[in-house]
PDB file of N, CA and C in Angstrom:
ATOM      1  N   UNK A   1       0.823  -1.195   0.000  1.00  0.00           N
ATOM      2  CA  UNK A   1       0.000   0.000   0.000  1.00  0.00           C
ATOM      3  C   UNK A   1       0.869   1.263   0.000  1.00  0.00           C
ATOM      4  N   UNK A   2       1.957   1.256   0.774  1.00  0.00           N
ATOM      5  CA  UNK A   2       2.855   2.409   0.845  1.00  0.00           C
ATOM      6  C   UNK A   2       3.544   2.633  -0.496  1.00  0.00           C
ATOM      7  N   UNK A   3       3.910   1.512  -1.163  1.00  0.00           N
ATOM      8  CA  UNK A   3       4.549   1.647  -2.479  1.00  0.00           C
ATOM      9  C   UNK A   3       3.597   2.284  -3.487  1.00  0.00           C
ATOM     10  N   UNK A   4       2.378   1.894  -3.444  1.00  0.00           N
ATOM     11  CA  UNK A   4       1.383   2.446  -4.361  1.00  0.00           C
ATOM     12  C   UNK A   4       1.226   3.944  -4.139  1.00  0.00           C
ATOM     13  N   UNK A   5       1.177   4.350  -2.885  1.00  0.00           N
ATOM     14  CA  UNK A   5       1.061   5.775  -2.561  1.00  0.00           C
ATOM     15  C   UNK A   5       2.285   6.549  -3.041  1.00  0.00           C
ATOM     16  N   UNK A   6       3.481   5.995  -2.843  1.00  0.00           N
ATOM     17  CA  UNK A   6       4.714   6.642  -3.297  1.00  0.00           C
ATOM     18  C   UNK A   6       4.733   6.731  -4.817  1.00  0.00           C
ATOM     19  N   UNK A   7       4.314   5.677  -5.491  1.00  0.00           N
ATOM     20  CA  UNK A   7       4.303   5.691  -6.949  1.00  0.00           C
ATOM     21  C   UNK A   7       3.305   6.717  -7.488  1.00  0.00           C
ATOM     22  N   UNK A   8       2.172   6.873  -6.834  1.00  0.00           N
ATOM     23  CA  UNK A   8       1.185   7.873  -7.253  1.00  0.00           C
ATOM     24  C   UNK A   8       1.749   9.276  -7.078  1.00  0.00           C
ATOM     25  N   UNK A   9       2.420   9.525  -5.954  1.00  0.00           N
ATOM     26  CA  UNK A   9       3.002  10.850  -5.706  1.00  0.00           C
ATOM     27  C   UNK A   9       4.100  11.150  -6.716  1.00  0.00           C
ATOM     28  N   UNK A  10       4.987  10.178  -6.967  1.00  0.00           N
ATOM     29  CA  UNK A  10       6.063  10.375  -7.948  1.00  0.00           C
ATOM     30  C   UNK A  10       5.468  10.605  -9.335  1.00  0.00           C
ATOM     31  N   UNK A  11       4.453   9.867  -9.690  1.00  0.00           N
ATOM     32  CA  UNK A  11       3.801  10.055 -10.987  1.00  0.00           C
ATOM     33  C   UNK A  11       3.189  11.432 -11.120  1.00  0.00           C
ATOM     34  N   UNK A  12       2.560  11.914 -10.043  1.00  0.00           N
ATOM     35  CA  UNK A  12       1.960  13.250 -10.067  1.00  0.00           C
ATOM     36  C   UNK A  12       3.020  14.335 -10.206  1.00  0.00           C
ATOM     37  N   UNK A  13       4.129  14.166  -9.499  1.00  0.00           N
ATOM     38  CA  UNK A  13       5.224  15.142  -9.595  1.00  0.00           C
ATOM     39  C   UNK A  13       5.787  15.166 -11.014  1.00  0.00           C
ATOM     40  N   UNK A  14       5.999  14.001 -11.604  1.00  0.00           N
ATOM     41  CA  UNK A  14       6.489  13.957 -12.989  1.00  0.00           C
ATOM     42  C   UNK A  14       5.483  14.593 -13.952  1.00  0.00           C
ATOM     43  N   UNK A  15       4.213  14.335 -13.721  1.00  0.00           N
ATOM     44  CA  UNK A  15       3.172  14.947 -14.548  1.00  0.00           C
ATOM     45  C   UNK A  15       3.243  16.465 -14.461  1.00  0.00           C
ATOM     46  N   UNK A  16       3.408  17.003 -13.261  1.00  0.00           N
ATOM     47  CA  UNK A  16       3.490  18.451 -13.092  1.00  0.00           C
ATOM     48  C   UNK A  16       4.725  19.029 -13.766  1.00  0.00           C
ATOM     49  N   UNK A  17       5.824  18.299 -13.741  1.00  0.00           N
ATOM     50  CA  UNK A  17       7.057  18.787 -14.376  1.00  0.00           C
ATOM     51  C   UNK A  17       6.882  18.927 -15.881  1.00  0.00           C
ATOM     52  N   UNK A  18       6.169  17.995 -16.494  1.00  0.00           N
ATOM     53  CA  UNK A  18       5.995  18.048 -17.943  1.00  0.00           C
ATOM     54  C   UNK A  18       4.808  18.905 -18.364  1.00  0.00           C
ATOM     55  N   UNK A  19       3.809  18.996 -17.543  1.00  0.00           N
ATOM     56  CA  UNK A  19       2.603  19.756 -17.879  1.00  0.00           C
ATOM     57  C   UNK A  19       2.716  21.206 -17.466  1.00  0.00           C
ATOM     58  N   UNK A  20       3.354  21.490 -16.372  1.00  0.00           N
ATOM     59  CA  UNK A  20       3.409  22.839 -15.830  1.00  0.00           C
ATOM     60  C   UNK A  20       2.631  22.907 -14.538  1.00  0.00           C
ATOM     61  N   UNK A  21       2.712  24.001 -13.872  1.00  0.00           N
ATOM     62  CA  UNK A  21       2.008  24.166 -12.598  1.00  0.00           C
ATOM     63  C   UNK A  21       0.513  24.225 -12.839  1.00  0.00           C
ATOM     64  N   UNK A  22      -0.253  23.673 -11.909  1.00  0.00           N
ATOM     65  CA  UNK A  22      -1.701  23.800 -12.050  1.00  0.00           C
ATOM     66  C   UNK A  22      -2.121  25.260 -11.896  1.00  0.00           C
ATOM     67  N   UNK A  23      -2.947  25.727 -12.773  1.00  0.00           N
ATOM     68  CA  UNK A  23      -3.429  27.104 -12.703  1.00  0.00           C
ATOM     69  C   UNK A  23      -2.498  28.098 -13.374  1.00  0.00           C
ATOM     70  N   UNK A  24      -1.345  27.657 -13.837  1.00  0.00           N
ATOM     71  CA  UNK A  24      -0.422  28.582 -14.496  1.00  0.00           C
ATOM     72  C   UNK A  24      -0.974  28.936 -15.863  1.00  0.00           C
ATOM     73  N   UNK A  25      -0.928  30.203 -16.183  1.00  0.00           N
ATOM     74  CA  UNK A  25      -1.438  30.663 -17.467  1.00  0.00           C
ATOM     75  C   UNK A  25      -0.290  31.193 -18.305  1.00  0.00           C
ATOM     76  N   UNK A  26      -0.353  30.909 -19.577  1.00  0.00           N
ATOM     77  CA  UNK A  26       0.660  31.408 -20.493  1.00  0.00           C
ATOM     78  C   UNK A  26       0.375  32.874 -20.787  1.00  0.00           C
ATOM     79  N   UNK A  27       1.434  33.673 -20.844  1.00  0.00           N
ATOM     80  CA  UNK A  27       1.280  35.085 -21.141  1.00  0.00           C
ATOM     81  C   UNK A  27       0.822  35.220 -22.582  1.00  0.00           C
ATOM     82  N   UNK A  28      -0.261  35.937 -22.829  1.00  0.00           N
ATOM     83  CA  UNK A  28      -0.762  36.060 -24.199  1.00  0.00           C
ATOM     84  C   UNK A  28       0.271  36.719 -25.111  1.00  0.00           C
ATOM     85  N   UNK A  29       0.472  36.135 -26.273  1.00  0.00           N
ATOM     86  CA  UNK A  29       1.484  36.651 -27.200  1.00  0.00           C
ATOM     87  C   UNK A  29       1.130  38.032 -27.726  1.00  0.00           C
ATOM     88  N   UNK A  30      -0.175  38.329 -27.835  1.00  0.00           N
ATOM     89  CA  UNK A  30      -0.556  39.642 -28.335  1.00  0.00           C
ATOM     90  C   UNK A  30      -0.330  40.731 -27.299  1.00  0.00           C
ATOM     91  N   UNK A  31      -0.104  40.374 -26.053  1.00  0.00           N
ATOM     92  CA  UNK A  31       0.170  41.356 -25.009  1.00  0.00           C
ATOM     93  C   UNK A  31       1.662  41.651 -24.880  1.00  0.00           C
ATOM     94  N   UNK A  32       2.488  40.863 -25.547  1.00  0.00           N
ATOM     95  CA  UNK A  32       3.930  41.081 -25.498  1.00  0.00           C
ATOM     96  C   UNK A  32       4.264  42.317 -26.327  1.00  0.00           C
ATOM     97  N   UNK A  33       5.187  43.128 -25.832  1.00  0.00           N
ATOM     98  CA  UNK A  33       5.547  44.314 -26.612  1.00  0.00           C
ATOM     99  C   UNK A  33       6.276  43.922 -27.896  1.00  0.00           C
ATOM    100  N   UNK A  34       5.791  44.418 -29.001  1.00  0.00           N
ATOM    101  CA  UNK A  34       6.404  44.136 -30.295  1.00  0.00           C
ATOM    102  C   UNK A  34       7.354  45.250 -30.717  1.00  0.00           C
ATOM    103  N   UNK A  35       7.451  46.283 -29.883  1.00  0.00           N
ATOM    104  CA  UNK A  35       8.266  47.428 -30.252  1.00  0.00           C
ATOM    105  C   UNK A  35       9.744  47.069 -30.282  1.00  0.00           C
ATOM    106  N   UNK A  36      10.387  47.570 -31.286  1.00  0.00           N
ATOM    107  CA  UNK A  36      11.823  47.416 -31.398  1.00  0.00           C
ATOM    108  C   UNK A  36      12.477  48.368 -30.397  1.00  0.00           C
ATOM    109  N   UNK A  37      13.567  47.957 -29.810  1.00  0.00           N
ATOM    110  CA  UNK A  37      14.266  48.823 -28.867  1.00  0.00           C
ATOM    111  C   UNK A  37      15.524  49.379 -29.521  1.00  0.00           C
ATOM    112  N   UNK A  38      15.901  50.557 -29.067  1.00  0.00           N
ATOM    113  CA  UNK A  38      17.077  51.247 -29.585  1.00  0.00           C
ATOM    114  C   UNK A  38      17.950  51.656 -28.416  1.00  0.00           C
ATOM    115  N   UNK A  39      19.256  51.605 -28.619  1.00  0.00           N
ATOM    116  CA  UNK A  39      20.197  51.990 -27.574  1.00  0.00           C
ATOM    117  C   UNK A  39      20.545  53.469 -27.718  1.00  0.00           C
ATOM    118  N   UNK A  40      20.366  54.199 -26.631  1.00  0.00           N
ATOM    119  CA  UNK A  40      20.712  55.618 -26.597  1.00  0.00           C
ATOM    120  C   UNK A  40      22.233  55.727 -26.761  1.00  0.00           C
ATOM    121  N   UNK A  41      22.724  56.474 -27.766  1.00  0.00           N
ATOM    122  CA  UNK A  41      24.160  56.560 -28.006  1.00  0.00           C
ATOM    123  C   UNK A  41      24.921  57.330 -26.925  1.00  0.00           C
ATOM    124  N   UNK A  42      24.222  58.063 -26.070  1.00  0.00           N
ATOM    125  CA  UNK A  42      24.899  58.846 -25.038  1.00  0.00           C
ATOM    126  C   UNK A  42      25.030  58.050 -23.747  1.00  0.00           C
ATOM    127  N   UNK A  43      23.897  57.592 -23.209  1.00  0.00           N
ATOM    128  CA  UNK A  43      23.935  56.942 -21.893  1.00  0.00           C
ATOM    129  C   UNK A  43      23.789  55.428 -21.959  1.00  0.00           C
ATOM    130  N   UNK A  44      23.428  54.878 -23.117  1.00  0.00           N
ATOM    131  CA  UNK A  44      23.347  53.430 -23.275  1.00  0.00           C
ATOM    132  C   UNK A  44      22.047  52.793 -22.836  1.00  0.00           C
ATOM    133  N   UNK A  45      21.043  53.594 -22.482  1.00  0.00           N
ATOM    134  CA  UNK A  45      19.747  53.066 -22.070  1.00  0.00           C
ATOM    135  C   UNK A  45      18.985  52.613 -23.304  1.00  0.00           C
ATOM    136  N   UNK A  46      18.262  51.498 -23.182  1.00  0.00           N
ATOM    137  CA  UNK A  46      17.435  51.013 -24.280  1.00  0.00           C
ATOM    138  C   UNK A  46      16.039  51.618 -24.171  1.00  0.00           C
ATOM    139  N   UNK A  47      15.544  52.137 -25.278  1.00  0.00           N
ATOM    140  CA  UNK A  47      14.218  52.753 -25.313  1.00  0.00           C
ATOM    141  C   UNK A  47      13.431  52.184 -26.488  1.00  0.00           C
ATOM    142  N   UNK A  48      12.107  52.198 -26.350  1.00  0.00           N
ATOM    143  CA  UNK A  48      11.259  51.772 -27.462  1.00  0.00           C
ATOM    144  C   UNK A  48      11.017  52.958 -28.379  1.00  0.00           C
ATOM    145  N   UNK A  49      10.527  52.661 -29.557  1.00  0.00           N
ATOM    146  CA  UNK A  49      10.278  53.703 -30.547  1.00  0.00           C
ATOM    147  C   UNK A  49       9.270  54.724 -30.037  1.00  0.00           C
ATOM    148  N   UNK A  50       8.246  54.240 -29.300  1.00  0.00           N
ATOM    149  CA  UNK A  50       7.216  55.142 -28.782  1.00  0.00           C
ATOM    150  C   UNK A  50       7.745  56.055 -27.678  1.00  0.00           C
ATOM    151  N   UNK A  51       8.713  55.583 -26.907  1.00  0.00           N
ATOM    152  CA  UNK A  51       9.224  56.357 -25.773  1.00  0.00           C
ATOM    153  C   UNK A  51      10.449  57.205 -26.123  1.00  0.00           C
ATOM    154  N   UNK A  52      11.027  56.992 -27.285  1.00  0.00           N
ATOM    155  CA  UNK A  52      12.283  57.643 -27.628  1.00  0.00           C
ATOM    156  C   UNK A  52      12.097  59.074 -28.114  1.00  0.00           C
ATOM    157  N   UNK A  53      13.123  59.876 -27.853  1.00  0.00           N
ATOM    158  CA  UNK A  53      13.244  61.202 -28.455  1.00  0.00           C
ATOM    159  C   UNK A  53      14.136  60.980 -29.670  1.00  0.00           C
ATOM    160  N   UNK A  54      13.639  61.314 -30.855  1.00  0.00           N
ATOM    161  CA  UNK A  54      14.349  60.998 -32.093  1.00  0.00           C
ATOM    162  C   UNK A  54      15.022  62.245 -32.641  1.00  0.00           C
ATOM    163  N   UNK A  55      16.296  62.091 -32.922  1.00  0.00           N
ATOM    164  CA  UNK A  55      17.060  63.154 -33.557  1.00  0.00           C
ATOM    165  C   UNK A  55      17.620  62.630 -34.868  1.00  0.00           C
ATOM    166  N   UNK A  56      17.821  63.509 -35.840  1.00  0.00           N
ATOM    167  CA  UNK A  56      18.361  63.080 -37.124  1.00  0.00           C
ATOM    168  C   UNK A  56      19.620  63.868 -37.451  1.00  0.00           C
ATOM    169  N   UNK A  57      20.518  63.195 -38.148  1.00  0.00           N
ATOM    170  CA  UNK A  57      21.734  63.850 -38.614  1.00  0.00           C
ATOM    171  C   UNK A  57      22.122  63.203 -39.937  1.00  0.00           C
ATOM    172  N   UNK A  58      22.211  63.989 -40.976  1.00  0.00           N
ATOM    173  CA  UNK A  58      22.529  63.503 -42.324  1.00  0.00           C
ATOM    174  C   UNK A  58      21.584  62.382 -42.753  1.00  0.00           C
ATOM    175  N   UNK A  59      20.303  62.513 -42.395  1.00  0.00           N
ATOM    176  CA  UNK A  59      19.301  61.531 -42.778  1.00  0.00           C
ATOM    177  C   UNK A  59      19.267  60.288 -41.913  1.00  0.00           C
ATOM    178  N   UNK A  60      20.158  60.167 -40.956  1.00  0.00           N
ATOM    179  CA  UNK A  60      20.185  59.006 -40.073  1.00  0.00           C
ATOM    180  C   UNK A  60      19.470  59.343 -38.765  1.00  0.00           C
ATOM    181  N   UNK A  61      18.604  58.439 -38.308  1.00  0.00           N
ATOM    182  CA  UNK A  61      17.851  58.661 -37.075  1.00  0.00           C
ATOM    183  C   UNK A  61      18.620  58.124 -35.873  1.00  0.00           C
ATOM    184  N   UNK A  62      18.577  58.884 -34.794  1.00  0.00           N
ATOM    185  CA  UNK A  62      19.152  58.474 -33.525  1.00  0.00           C
ATOM    186  C   UNK A  62      18.047  58.524 -32.483  1.00  0.00           C
ATOM    187  N   UNK A  63      17.991  57.515 -31.629  1.00  0.00           N
ATOM    188  CA  UNK A  63      16.950  57.417 -30.612  1.00  0.00           C
ATOM    189  C   UNK A  63      17.578  57.674 -29.242  1.00  0.00           C
ATOM    190  N   UNK A  64      16.978  58.609 -28.489  1.00  0.00           N
ATOM    191  CA  UNK A  64      17.495  59.003 -27.183  1.00  0.00           C
ATOM    192  C   UNK A  64      16.435  58.762 -26.114  1.00  0.00           C
ATOM    193  N   UNK A  65      16.899  58.596 -24.870  1.00  0.00           N
ATOM    194  CA  UNK A  65      15.961  58.367 -23.769  1.00  0.00           C
ATOM    195  C   UNK A  65      15.347  59.668 -23.282  1.00  0.00           C
ATOM    196  N   UNK A  66      16.021  60.798 -23.541  1.00  0.00           N
ATOM    197  CA  UNK A  66      15.502  62.086 -23.068  1.00  0.00           C
ATOM    198  C   UNK A  66      16.076  63.216 -23.919  1.00  0.00           C
ATOM    199  N   UNK A  67      15.490  64.391 -23.740  1.00  0.00           N
ATOM    200  CA  UNK A  67      16.006  65.577 -24.439  1.00  0.00           C
ATOM    201  C   UNK A  67      17.408  65.923 -23.945  1.00  0.00           C
ATOM    202  N   UNK A  68      17.685  65.637 -22.680  1.00  0.00           N
ATOM    203  CA  UNK A  68      19.017  65.923 -22.126  1.00  0.00           C
ATOM    204  C   UNK A  68      20.095  65.133 -22.879  1.00  0.00           C
ATOM    205  N   UNK A  69      19.820  63.870 -23.167  1.00  0.00           N
ATOM    206  CA  UNK A  69      20.791  63.067 -23.918  1.00  0.00           C
ATOM    207  C   UNK A  69      20.922  63.558 -25.360  1.00  0.00           C
ATOM    208  N   UNK A  70      19.821  63.996 -25.955  1.00  0.00           N
ATOM    209  CA  UNK A  70      19.872  64.556 -27.301  1.00  0.00           C
ATOM    210  C   UNK A  70      20.752  65.801 -27.321  1.00  0.00           C
ATOM    211  N   UNK A  71      20.584  66.677 -26.334  1.00  0.00           N
ATOM    212  CA  UNK A  71      21.403  67.892 -26.256  1.00  0.00           C
ATOM    213  C   UNK A  71      22.877  67.560 -26.036  1.00  0.00           C
ATOM    214  N   UNK A  72      23.171  66.569 -25.189  1.00  0.00           N
ATOM    215  CA  UNK A  72      24.567  66.160 -24.974  1.00  0.00           C
ATOM    216  C   UNK A  72      25.171  65.638 -26.270  1.00  0.00           C
ATOM    217  N   UNK A  73      24.384  64.895 -27.041  1.00  0.00           N
ATOM    218  CA  UNK A  73      24.846  64.363 -28.318  1.00  0.00           C
ATOM    219  C   UNK A  73      25.175  65.503 -29.285  1.00  0.00           C
ATOM    220  N   UNK A  74      24.308  66.486 -29.339  1.00  0.00           N
ATOM    221  CA  UNK A  74      24.543  67.641 -30.217  1.00  0.00           C
ATOM    222  C   UNK A  74      25.788  68.408 -29.787  1.00  0.00           C
ATOM    223  N   UNK A  75      25.981  68.571 -28.480  1.00  0.00           N
ATOM    224  CA  UNK A  75      27.174  69.267 -27.979  1.00  0.00           C
ATOM    225  C   UNK A  75      28.437  68.517 -28.350  1.00  0.00           C
ATOM    226  N   UNK A  76      28.397  67.173 -28.264  1.00  0.00           N
ATOM    227  CA  UNK A  76      29.569  66.371 -28.632  1.00  0.00           C
ATOM    228  C   UNK A  76      29.881  66.503 -30.105  1.00  0.00           C
ATOM    229  N   UNK A  77      28.862  66.631 -30.941  1.00  0.00           N
ATOM    230  CA  UNK A  77      29.081  66.767 -32.388  1.00  0.00           C
ATOM    231  C   UNK A  77      29.684  68.134 -32.727  1.00  0.00           C
ATOM    232  N   UNK A  78      29.316  69.156 -31.962  1.00  0.00           N
ATOM    233  CA  UNK A  78      29.832  70.495 -32.228  1.00  0.00           C
ATOM    234  C   UNK A  78      31.311  70.636 -31.890  1.00  0.00           C
ATOM    235  N   UNK A  79      31.803  69.816 -30.990  1.00  0.00           N
ATOM    236  CA  UNK A  79      33.230  69.927 -30.574  1.00  0.00           C
ATOM    237  C   UNK A  79      34.173  69.364 -31.570  1.00  0.00           C
TER     238      UNK A  79
END
């Protein structure tokens, strides 16, 4: 009787390992952010297209985390 109980418990644990936790829900794929991220060339912070401050130079776009980083970038170019 004890062996049967142990085998049932081990079987249930193995089932949970392959199936997943009971009640666990998969994160919906449509809720995942699809936005591409860009690295701020001044401070190195990653920002999404919607959150970025965009500056252009010679037709090339640069994405910044804030106006302060954009201004620092412009100052560095002037030197």
